[in-house]
PDB file of all heavy atoms in Angstrom:
ATOM      1  N   LEU A   1      10.058   6.698-184.053  1.00  0.00           N
ATOM      2  CA  LEU A   1      11.190   7.063-184.911  1.00  0.00           C
ATOM      3  C   LEU A   1      10.713   7.507-186.293  1.00  0.00           C
ATOM      4  O   LEU A   1      11.284   8.448-186.885  1.00  0.00           O
ATOM      5  CB  LEU A   1      12.138   5.872-185.039  1.00  0.00           C
ATOM      6  CG  LEU A   1      12.885   5.459-183.763  1.00  0.00           C
ATOM      7  CD1 LEU A   1      13.737   4.227-184.025  1.00  0.00           C
ATOM      8  CD2 LEU A   1      13.755   6.604-183.246  1.00  0.00           C
ATOM      9  N   THR A   2       9.690   6.871-186.815  1.00  0.00           N
ATOM     10  CA  THR A   2       9.165   7.257-188.127  1.00  0.00           C
ATOM     11  C   THR A   2       8.561   8.663-188.084  1.00  0.00           C
ATOM     12  O   THR A   2       8.763   9.475-189.005  1.00  0.00           O
ATOM     13  CB  THR A   2       8.106   6.243-188.580  1.00  0.00           C
ATOM     14  OG1 THR A   2       8.691   4.941-188.620  1.00  0.00           O
ATOM     15  CG2 THR A   2       7.565   6.592-189.952  1.00  0.00           C
ATOM     16  N   VAL A   3       7.821   8.967-187.023  1.00  0.00           N
ATOM     17  CA  VAL A   3       7.232  10.307-186.887  1.00  0.00           C
ATOM     18  C   VAL A   3       8.322  11.360-186.772  1.00  0.00           C
ATOM     19  O   VAL A   3       8.250  12.433-187.390  1.00  0.00           O
ATOM     20  CB  VAL A   3       6.285  10.333-185.679  1.00  0.00           C
ATOM     21  CG1 VAL A   3       5.870  11.757-185.357  1.00  0.00           C
ATOM     22  CG2 VAL A   3       5.065   9.474-185.954  1.00  0.00           C
ATOM     23  N   LEU A   4       9.362  11.094-185.967  1.00  0.00           N
ATOM     24  CA  LEU A   4      10.458  12.055-185.835  1.00  0.00           C
ATOM     25  C   LEU A   4      11.169  12.256-187.168  1.00  0.00           C
ATOM     26  O   LEU A   4      11.552  13.394-187.518  1.00  0.00           O
ATOM     27  CB  LEU A   4      11.449  11.559-184.773  1.00  0.00           C
ATOM     28  CG  LEU A   4      10.931  11.550-183.327  1.00  0.00           C
ATOM     29  CD1 LEU A   4      11.986  10.967-182.388  1.00  0.00           C
ATOM     30  CD2 LEU A   4      10.552  12.959-182.884  1.00  0.00           C
ATOM     31  N   THR A   5      11.331  11.157-187.900  1.00  0.00           N
ATOM     32  CA  THR A   5      11.941  11.292-189.236  1.00  0.00           C
ATOM     33  C   THR A   5      11.069  12.137-190.154  1.00  0.00           C
ATOM     34  O   THR A   5      11.567  12.990-190.916  1.00  0.00           O
ATOM     35  CB  THR A   5      12.159   9.897-189.840  1.00  0.00           C
ATOM     36  OG1 THR A   5      12.986   9.131-188.973  1.00  0.00           O
ATOM     37  CG2 THR A   5      12.822  10.005-191.205  1.00  0.00           C
ATOM     38  N   ALA A   6       9.740  11.928-190.089  1.00  0.00           N
ATOM     39  CA  ALA A   6       8.833  12.724-190.923  1.00  0.00           C
ATOM     40  C   ALA A   6       8.842  14.188-190.540  1.00  0.00           C
ATOM     41  O   ALA A   6       8.675  15.072-191.395  1.00  0.00           O
ATOM     42  CB  ALA A   6       7.415  12.154-190.813  1.00  0.00           C
ATOM     43  N   ILE A   7       9.029  14.490-189.255  1.00  0.00           N
ATOM     44  CA  ILE A   7       9.077  15.892-188.820  1.00  0.00           C
ATOM     45  C   ILE A   7      10.361  16.572-189.299  1.00  0.00           C
ATOM     46  O   ILE A   7      10.348  17.707-189.794  1.00  0.00           O
ATOM     47  CB  ILE A   7       8.947  15.973-187.285  1.00  0.00           C
ATOM     48  CG1 ILE A   7       7.533  15.539-186.851  1.00  0.00           C
ATOM     49  CG2 ILE A   7       9.263  17.376-186.787  1.00  0.00           C
ATOM     50  CD1 ILE A   7       7.352  15.486-185.351  1.00  0.00           C
ATOM     51  N   PHE A   8      11.483  15.889-189.183  1.00  0.00           N
ATOM     52  CA  PHE A   8      12.761  16.509-189.519  1.00  0.00           C
ATOM     53  C   PHE A   8      13.073  16.466-191.021  1.00  0.00           C
ATOM     54  O   PHE A   8      14.002  17.137-191.472  1.00  0.00           O
ATOM     55  CB  PHE A   8      13.899  15.834-188.744  1.00  0.00           C
ATOM     56  CG  PHE A   8      14.008  16.301-187.326  1.00  0.00           C
ATOM     57  CD1 PHE A   8      13.369  15.623-186.300  1.00  0.00           C
ATOM     58  CD2 PHE A   8      14.741  17.443-187.030  1.00  0.00           C
ATOM     59  CE1 PHE A   8      13.472  16.066-185.000  1.00  0.00           C
ATOM     60  CE2 PHE A   8      14.843  17.887-185.718  1.00  0.00           C
ATOM     61  CZ  PHE A   8      14.215  17.197-184.704  1.00  0.00           C
ATOM     62  N   LEU A   9      12.311  15.693-191.774  1.00  0.00           N
ATOM     63  CA  LEU A   9      12.579  15.630-193.210  1.00  0.00           C
ATOM     64  C   LEU A   9      12.386  16.977-193.902  1.00  0.00           C
ATOM     65  O   LEU A   9      13.287  17.438-194.634  1.00  0.00           O
ATOM     66  CB  LEU A   9      11.689  14.553-193.841  1.00  0.00           C
ATOM     67  CG  LEU A   9      11.930  14.304-195.335  1.00  0.00           C
ATOM     68  CD1 LEU A   9      13.351  13.809-195.569  1.00  0.00           C
ATOM     69  CD2 LEU A   9      10.923  13.285-195.867  1.00  0.00           C
ATOM     70  N   PRO A  10      11.259  17.703-193.703  1.00  0.00           N
ATOM     71  CA  PRO A  10      11.158  19.039-194.338  1.00  0.00           C
ATOM     72  C   PRO A  10      12.149  20.041-193.760  1.00  0.00           C
ATOM     73  O   PRO A  10      12.610  20.947-194.472  1.00  0.00           O
ATOM     74  CB  PRO A  10       9.707  19.445-194.073  1.00  0.00           C
ATOM     75  CG  PRO A  10       9.275  18.620-192.920  1.00  0.00           C
ATOM     76  CD  PRO A  10      10.009  17.343-193.027  1.00  0.00           C
ATOM     77  N   LEU A  11      12.492  19.889-192.473  1.00  0.00           N
ATOM     78  CA  LEU A  11      13.488  20.788-191.898  1.00  0.00           C
ATOM     79  C   LEU A  11      14.849  20.575-192.540  1.00  0.00           C
ATOM     80  O   LEU A  11      15.595  21.536-192.813  1.00  0.00           O
ATOM     81  CB  LEU A  11      13.571  20.580-190.384  1.00  0.00           C
ATOM     82  CG  LEU A  11      12.261  20.736-189.602  1.00  0.00           C
ATOM     83  CD1 LEU A  11      12.511  20.564-188.117  1.00  0.00           C
ATOM     84  CD2 LEU A  11      11.608  22.072-189.884  1.00  0.00           C
ATOM     85  N   ASN A  12      15.193  19.315-192.802  1.00  0.00           N
ATOM     86  CA  ASN A  12      16.445  19.033-193.504  1.00  0.00           C
ATOM     87  C   ASN A  12      16.408  19.573-194.941  1.00  0.00           C
ATOM     88  O   ASN A  12      17.431  20.018-195.486  1.00  0.00           O
ATOM     89  CB  ASN A  12      16.709  17.527-193.529  1.00  0.00           C
ATOM     90  CG  ASN A  12      17.064  16.975-192.158  1.00  0.00           C
ATOM     91  OD1 ASN A  12      17.578  17.698-191.313  1.00  0.00           O
ATOM     92  ND2 ASN A  12      16.781  15.701-191.932  1.00  0.00           N
ATOM     93  N   LEU A  13      15.208  19.542-195.559  1.00  0.00           N
ATOM     94  CA  LEU A  13      15.070  20.097-196.904  1.00  0.00           C
ATOM     95  C   LEU A  13      15.339  21.597-196.902  1.00  0.00           C
ATOM     96  O   LEU A  13      16.068  22.124-197.774  1.00  0.00           O
ATOM     97  CB  LEU A  13      13.666  19.796-197.432  1.00  0.00           C
ATOM     98  CG  LEU A  13      13.330  20.361-198.817  1.00  0.00           C
ATOM     99  CD1 LEU A  13      14.272  19.775-199.869  1.00  0.00           C
ATOM    100  CD2 LEU A  13      11.879  20.082-199.178  1.00  0.00           C
ATOM    101  N   ILE A  14      14.752  22.288-195.922  1.00  0.00           N
ATOM    102  CA  ILE A  14      14.987  23.742-195.834  1.00  0.00           C
ATOM    103  C   ILE A  14      16.456  24.028-195.586  1.00  0.00           C
ATOM    104  O   ILE A  14      17.061  24.940-196.190  1.00  0.00           O
ATOM    105  CB  ILE A  14      14.105  24.347-194.736  1.00  0.00           C
ATOM    106  CG1 ILE A  14      12.619  24.196-195.104  1.00  0.00           C
ATOM    107  CG2 ILE A  14      14.456  25.803-194.486  1.00  0.00           C
ATOM    108  CD1 ILE A  14      11.675  24.644-194.021  1.00  0.00           C
ATOM    109  N   THR A  15      17.068  23.263-194.695  1.00  0.00           N
ATOM    110  CA  THR A  15      18.493  23.454-194.405  1.00  0.00           C
ATOM    111  C   THR A  15      19.322  23.215-195.651  1.00  0.00           C
ATOM    112  O   THR A  15      20.295  23.949-195.945  1.00  0.00           O
ATOM    113  CB  THR A  15      18.927  22.506-193.277  1.00  0.00           C
ATOM    114  OG1 THR A  15      18.130  22.723-192.127  1.00  0.00           O
ATOM    115  CG2 THR A  15      20.392  22.733-192.931  1.00  0.00           C
ATOM    116  N   GLY A  16      18.965  22.201-196.417  1.00  0.00           N
ATOM    117  CA  GLY A  16      19.718  21.921-197.647  1.00  0.00           C
ATOM    118  C   GLY A  16      19.575  23.016-198.682  1.00  0.00           C
ATOM    119  O   GLY A  16      20.536  23.353-199.395  1.00  0.00           O
ATOM    120  N   ILE A  17      18.366  23.598-198.780  1.00  0.00           N
ATOM    121  CA  ILE A  17      18.157  24.664-199.766  1.00  0.00           C
ATOM    122  C   ILE A  17      18.978  25.901-199.418  1.00  0.00           C
ATOM    123  O   ILE A  17      19.661  26.490-200.273  1.00  0.00           O
ATOM    124  CB  ILE A  17      16.660  25.000-199.851  1.00  0.00           C
ATOM    125  CG1 ILE A  17      15.889  23.834-200.487  1.00  0.00           C
ATOM    126  CG2 ILE A  17      16.448  26.284-200.664  1.00  0.00           C
ATOM    127  CD1 ILE A  17      14.404  24.022-200.508  1.00  0.00           C
ATOM    128  N   PHE A  18      18.936  26.304-198.165  1.00  0.00           N
ATOM    129  CA  PHE A  18      19.677  27.502-197.770  1.00  0.00           C
ATOM    130  C   PHE A  18      21.177  27.243-197.652  1.00  0.00           C
ATOM    131  O   PHE A  18      21.954  28.172-197.440  1.00  0.00           O
ATOM    132  CB  PHE A  18      19.134  28.050-196.454  1.00  0.00           C
ATOM    133  CG  PHE A  18      17.873  28.844-196.609  1.00  0.00           C
ATOM    134  CD1 PHE A  18      16.627  28.247-196.508  1.00  0.00           C
ATOM    135  CD2 PHE A  18      17.936  30.212-196.882  1.00  0.00           C
ATOM    136  CE1 PHE A  18      15.471  28.976-196.666  1.00  0.00           C
ATOM    137  CE2 PHE A  18      16.774  30.957-197.031  1.00  0.00           C
ATOM    138  CZ  PHE A  18      15.533  30.331-196.925  1.00  0.00           C
ATOM    139  N   GLY A  19      21.571  26.019-197.795  1.00  0.00           N
ATOM    140  CA  GLY A  19      23.002  25.726-197.798  1.00  0.00           C
ATOM    141  C   GLY A  19      23.625  25.755-199.181  1.00  0.00           C
ATOM    142  O   GLY A  19      24.829  25.496-199.328  1.00  0.00           O
ATOM    143  N   MET A  20      22.850  26.077-200.225  1.00  0.00           N
ATOM    144  CA  MET A  20      23.376  26.146-201.591  1.00  0.00           C
ATOM    145  C   MET A  20      24.210  27.408-201.789  1.00  0.00           C
ATOM    146  O   MET A  20      23.959  28.456-201.169  1.00  0.00           O
ATOM    147  CB  MET A  20      22.217  26.131-202.598  1.00  0.00           C
ATOM    148  CG  MET A  20      21.410  24.855-202.583  1.00  0.00           C
ATOM    149  SD  MET A  20      20.073  24.921-203.784  1.00  0.00           S
ATOM    150  CE  MET A  20      19.322  23.334-203.514  1.00  0.00           C
ATOM    151  N   ASN A  21      25.187  27.342-202.670  1.00  0.00           N
ATOM    152  CA  ASN A  21      26.076  28.484-202.959  1.00  0.00           C
ATOM    153  C   ASN A  21      25.513  29.339-204.091  1.00  0.00           C
ATOM    154  O   ASN A  21      26.039  29.383-205.217  1.00  0.00           O
ATOM    155  CB  ASN A  21      27.476  27.984-203.345  1.00  0.00           C
ATOM    156  CG  ASN A  21      28.187  27.359-202.162  1.00  0.00           C
ATOM    157  OD1 ASN A  21      28.015  27.815-201.048  1.00  0.00           O
ATOM    158  ND2 ASN A  21      28.962  26.312-202.413  1.00  0.00           N
ATOM    159  N   PHE A  22      24.394  29.992-203.803  1.00  0.00           N
ATOM    160  CA  PHE A  22      23.789  30.927-204.762  1.00  0.00           C
ATOM    161  C   PHE A  22      23.618  32.275-204.071  1.00  0.00           C
ATOM    162  O   PHE A  22      23.174  32.330-202.902  1.00  0.00           O
ATOM    163  CB  PHE A  22      22.443  30.425-205.278  1.00  0.00           C
ATOM    164  CG  PHE A  22      22.543  29.161-206.100  1.00  0.00           C
ATOM    165  CD1 PHE A  22      22.202  27.939-205.576  1.00  0.00           C
ATOM    166  CD2 PHE A  22      22.996  29.231-207.424  1.00  0.00           C
ATOM    167  CE1 PHE A  22      22.293  26.796-206.348  1.00  0.00           C
ATOM    168  CE2 PHE A  22      23.089  28.075-208.186  1.00  0.00           C
ATOM    169  CZ  PHE A  22      22.739  26.860-207.653  1.00  0.00           C
ATOM    170  N   ASP A  23      23.943  33.365-204.791  1.00  0.00           N
ATOM    171  CA  ASP A  23      23.817  34.710-204.207  1.00  0.00           C
ATOM    172  C   ASP A  23      22.410  35.243-204.294  1.00  0.00           C
ATOM    173  O   ASP A  23      22.072  36.235-203.625  1.00  0.00           O
ATOM    174  CB  ASP A  23      24.758  35.690-204.931  1.00  0.00           C
ATOM    175  CG  ASP A  23      26.225  35.400-204.614  1.00  0.00           C
ATOM    176  OD1 ASP A  23      26.453  34.784-203.542  1.00  0.00           O
ATOM    177  OD2 ASP A  23      27.084  35.750-205.424  1.00  0.00           O
ATOM    178  N   THR A  24      21.593  34.693-205.140  1.00  0.00           N
ATOM    179  CA  THR A  24      20.254  35.232-205.348  1.00  0.00           C
ATOM    180  C   THR A  24      19.183  34.553-204.508  1.00  0.00           C
ATOM    181  O   THR A  24      17.990  34.778-204.732  1.00  0.00           O
ATOM    182  CB  THR A  24      19.880  35.079-206.840  1.00  0.00           C
ATOM    183  OG1 THR A  24      19.925  33.694-207.179  1.00  0.00           O
ATOM    184  CG2 THR A  24      20.830  35.887-207.717  1.00  0.00           C
ATOM    185  N   LEU A  25      19.554  33.721-203.566  1.00  0.00           N
ATOM    186  CA  LEU A  25      18.560  33.091-202.696  1.00  0.00           C
ATOM    187  C   LEU A  25      17.906  34.150-201.817  1.00  0.00           C
ATOM    188  O   LEU A  25      18.582  35.055-201.314  1.00  0.00           O
ATOM    189  CB  LEU A  25      19.192  32.020-201.823  1.00  0.00           C
ATOM    190  CG  LEU A  25      19.570  30.701-202.517  1.00  0.00           C
ATOM    191  CD1 LEU A  25      20.300  29.784-201.553  1.00  0.00           C
ATOM    192  CD2 LEU A  25      18.328  30.001-203.060  1.00  0.00           C
ATOM    193  N   PRO A  26      16.571  34.045-201.620  1.00  0.00           N
ATOM    194  CA  PRO A  26      15.914  35.044-200.764  1.00  0.00           C
ATOM    195  C   PRO A  26      16.339  34.892-199.301  1.00  0.00           C
ATOM    196  O   PRO A  26      16.698  33.808-198.845  1.00  0.00           O
ATOM    197  CB  PRO A  26      14.424  34.731-200.946  1.00  0.00           C
ATOM    198  CG  PRO A  26      14.373  33.308-201.360  1.00  0.00           C
ATOM    199  CD  PRO A  26      15.625  33.075-202.182  1.00  0.00           C
ATOM    200  N   LEU A  27      16.335  36.029-198.632  1.00  0.00           N
ATOM    201  CA  LEU A  27      16.578  36.132-197.186  1.00  0.00           C
ATOM    202  C   LEU A  27      18.044  35.977-196.779  1.00  0.00           C
ATOM    203  O   LEU A  27      18.366  36.231-195.620  1.00  0.00           O
ATOM    204  CB  LEU A  27      15.749  35.096-196.396  1.00  0.00           C
ATOM    205  CG  LEU A  27      14.224  35.204-196.524  1.00  0.00           C
ATOM    206  CD1 LEU A  27      13.560  34.099-195.732  1.00  0.00           C
ATOM    207  CD2 LEU A  27      13.721  36.564-196.084  1.00  0.00           C
ATOM    208  N   ILE A  28      18.939  35.559-197.730  1.00  0.00           N
ATOM    209  CA  ILE A  28      20.311  35.336-197.269  1.00  0.00           C
ATOM    210  C   ILE A  28      21.080  36.642-197.070  1.00  0.00           C
ATOM    211  O   ILE A  28      22.092  36.676-196.374  1.00  0.00           O
ATOM    212  CB  ILE A  28      21.079  34.431-198.258  1.00  0.00           C
ATOM    213  CG1 ILE A  28      21.184  35.103-199.627  1.00  0.00           C
ATOM    214  CG2 ILE A  28      20.414  33.067-198.362  1.00  0.00           C
ATOM    215  CD1 ILE A  28      22.074  34.327-200.585  1.00  0.00           C
ATOM    216  N   HIS A  29      20.617  37.697-197.690  1.00  0.00           N
ATOM    217  CA  HIS A  29      21.279  38.991-197.526  1.00  0.00           C
ATOM    218  C   HIS A  29      20.526  39.897-196.575  1.00  0.00           C
ATOM    219  O   HIS A  29      20.914  41.056-196.387  1.00  0.00           O
ATOM    220  CB  HIS A  29      21.428  39.697-198.879  1.00  0.00           C
ATOM    221  CG  HIS A  29      22.311  38.954-199.841  1.00  0.00           C
ATOM    222  ND1 HIS A  29      23.661  38.762-199.637  1.00  0.00           N
ATOM    223  CD2 HIS A  29      22.010  38.337-201.011  1.00  0.00           C
ATOM    224  CE1 HIS A  29      24.181  38.060-200.642  1.00  0.00           C
ATOM    225  NE2 HIS A  29      23.176  37.782-201.506  1.00  0.00           N
ATOM    226  N   GLU A  30      19.430  39.404-195.988  1.00  0.00           N
ATOM    227  CA  GLU A  30      18.650  40.184-195.037  1.00  0.00           C
ATOM    228  C   GLU A  30      19.201  39.993-193.624  1.00  0.00           C
ATOM    229  O   GLU A  30      19.663  38.901-193.261  1.00  0.00           O
ATOM    230  CB  GLU A  30      17.180  39.773-195.072  1.00  0.00           C
ATOM    231  CG  GLU A  30      16.511  39.960-196.419  1.00  0.00           C
ATOM    232  CD  GLU A  30      16.339  41.430-196.753  1.00  0.00           C
ATOM    233  OE1 GLU A  30      16.306  42.252-195.804  1.00  0.00           O
ATOM    234  OE2 GLU A  30      16.206  41.752-197.950  1.00  0.00           O
ATOM    235  N   ALA A  31      19.124  41.028-192.804  1.00  0.00           N
ATOM    236  CA  ALA A  31      19.620  40.942-191.428  1.00  0.00           C
ATOM    237  C   ALA A  31      18.743  40.028-190.577  1.00  0.00           C
ATOM    238  O   ALA A  31      19.209  39.368-189.637  1.00  0.00           O
ATOM    239  CB  ALA A  31      19.701  42.341-190.807  1.00  0.00           C
ATOM    240  N   THR A  32      17.449  39.984-190.922  1.00  0.00           N
ATOM    241  CA  THR A  32      16.523  39.154-190.143  1.00  0.00           C
ATOM    242  C   THR A  32      16.232  37.832-190.842  1.00  0.00           C
ATOM    243  O   THR A  32      15.330  37.094-190.432  1.00  0.00           O
ATOM    244  CB  THR A  32      15.198  39.906-189.934  1.00  0.00           C
ATOM    245  OG1 THR A  32      14.637  40.226-191.217  1.00  0.00           O
ATOM    246  CG2 THR A  32      15.430  41.195-189.136  1.00  0.00           C
ATOM    247  N   GLY A  33      16.987  37.481-191.892  1.00  0.00           N
ATOM    248  CA  GLY A  33      16.701  36.258-192.649  1.00  0.00           C
ATOM    249  C   GLY A  33      16.841  34.998-191.807  1.00  0.00           C
ATOM    250  O   GLY A  33      16.031  34.070-191.915  1.00  0.00           O
ATOM    251  N   VAL A  34      17.885  34.963-190.982  1.00  0.00           N
ATOM    252  CA  VAL A  34      18.097  33.750-190.176  1.00  0.00           C
ATOM    253  C   VAL A  34      16.975  33.538-189.178  1.00  0.00           C
ATOM    254  O   VAL A  34      16.528  32.412-188.944  1.00  0.00           O
ATOM    255  CB  VAL A  34      19.470  33.818-189.456  1.00  0.00           C
ATOM    256  CG1 VAL A  34      19.521  34.992-188.478  1.00  0.00           C
ATOM    257  CG2 VAL A  34      19.750  32.503-188.717  1.00  0.00           C
ATOM    258  N   TRP A  35      16.447  34.667-188.617  1.00  0.00           N
ATOM    259  CA  TRP A  35      15.364  34.526-187.644  1.00  0.00           C
ATOM    260  C   TRP A  35      14.061  34.130-188.325  1.00  0.00           C
ATOM    261  O   TRP A  35      13.274  33.347-187.786  1.00  0.00           O
ATOM    262  CB  TRP A  35      15.181  35.840-186.872  1.00  0.00           C
ATOM    263  CG  TRP A  35      16.437  36.265-186.178  1.00  0.00           C
ATOM    264  CD1 TRP A  35      17.209  37.342-186.467  1.00  0.00           C
ATOM    265  CD2 TRP A  35      17.055  35.601-185.081  1.00  0.00           C
ATOM    266  NE1 TRP A  35      18.292  37.429-185.623  1.00  0.00           N
ATOM    267  CE2 TRP A  35      18.219  36.351-184.751  1.00  0.00           C
ATOM    268  CE3 TRP A  35      16.768  34.449-184.338  1.00  0.00           C
ATOM    269  CZ2 TRP A  35      19.079  35.994-183.722  1.00  0.00           C
ATOM    270  CZ3 TRP A  35      17.618  34.103-183.309  1.00  0.00           C
ATOM    271  CH2 TRP A  35      18.756  34.843-183.012  1.00  0.00           C
ATOM    272  N   ILE A  36      13.847  34.674-189.534  1.00  0.00           N
ATOM    273  CA  ILE A  36      12.642  34.280-190.264  1.00  0.00           C
ATOM    274  C   ILE A  36      12.704  32.790-190.611  1.00  0.00           C
ATOM    275  O   ILE A  36      11.726  32.049-190.480  1.00  0.00           O
ATOM    276  CB  ILE A  36      12.489  35.137-191.534  1.00  0.00           C
ATOM    277  CG1 ILE A  36      12.240  36.608-191.147  1.00  0.00           C
ATOM    278  CG2 ILE A  36      11.358  34.630-192.413  1.00  0.00           C
ATOM    279  CD1 ILE A  36      12.204  37.557-192.327  1.00  0.00           C
TER     280      ILE A  36
END
């Protein structure tokens, strides 16, 4: 459980960053941003 938590912790960080309400975030206006 600790290893799984350590793996998903940076993924949750990335998800939290791209969930912010800012228009100037990179990749959010790109067509391939979600895949990248």
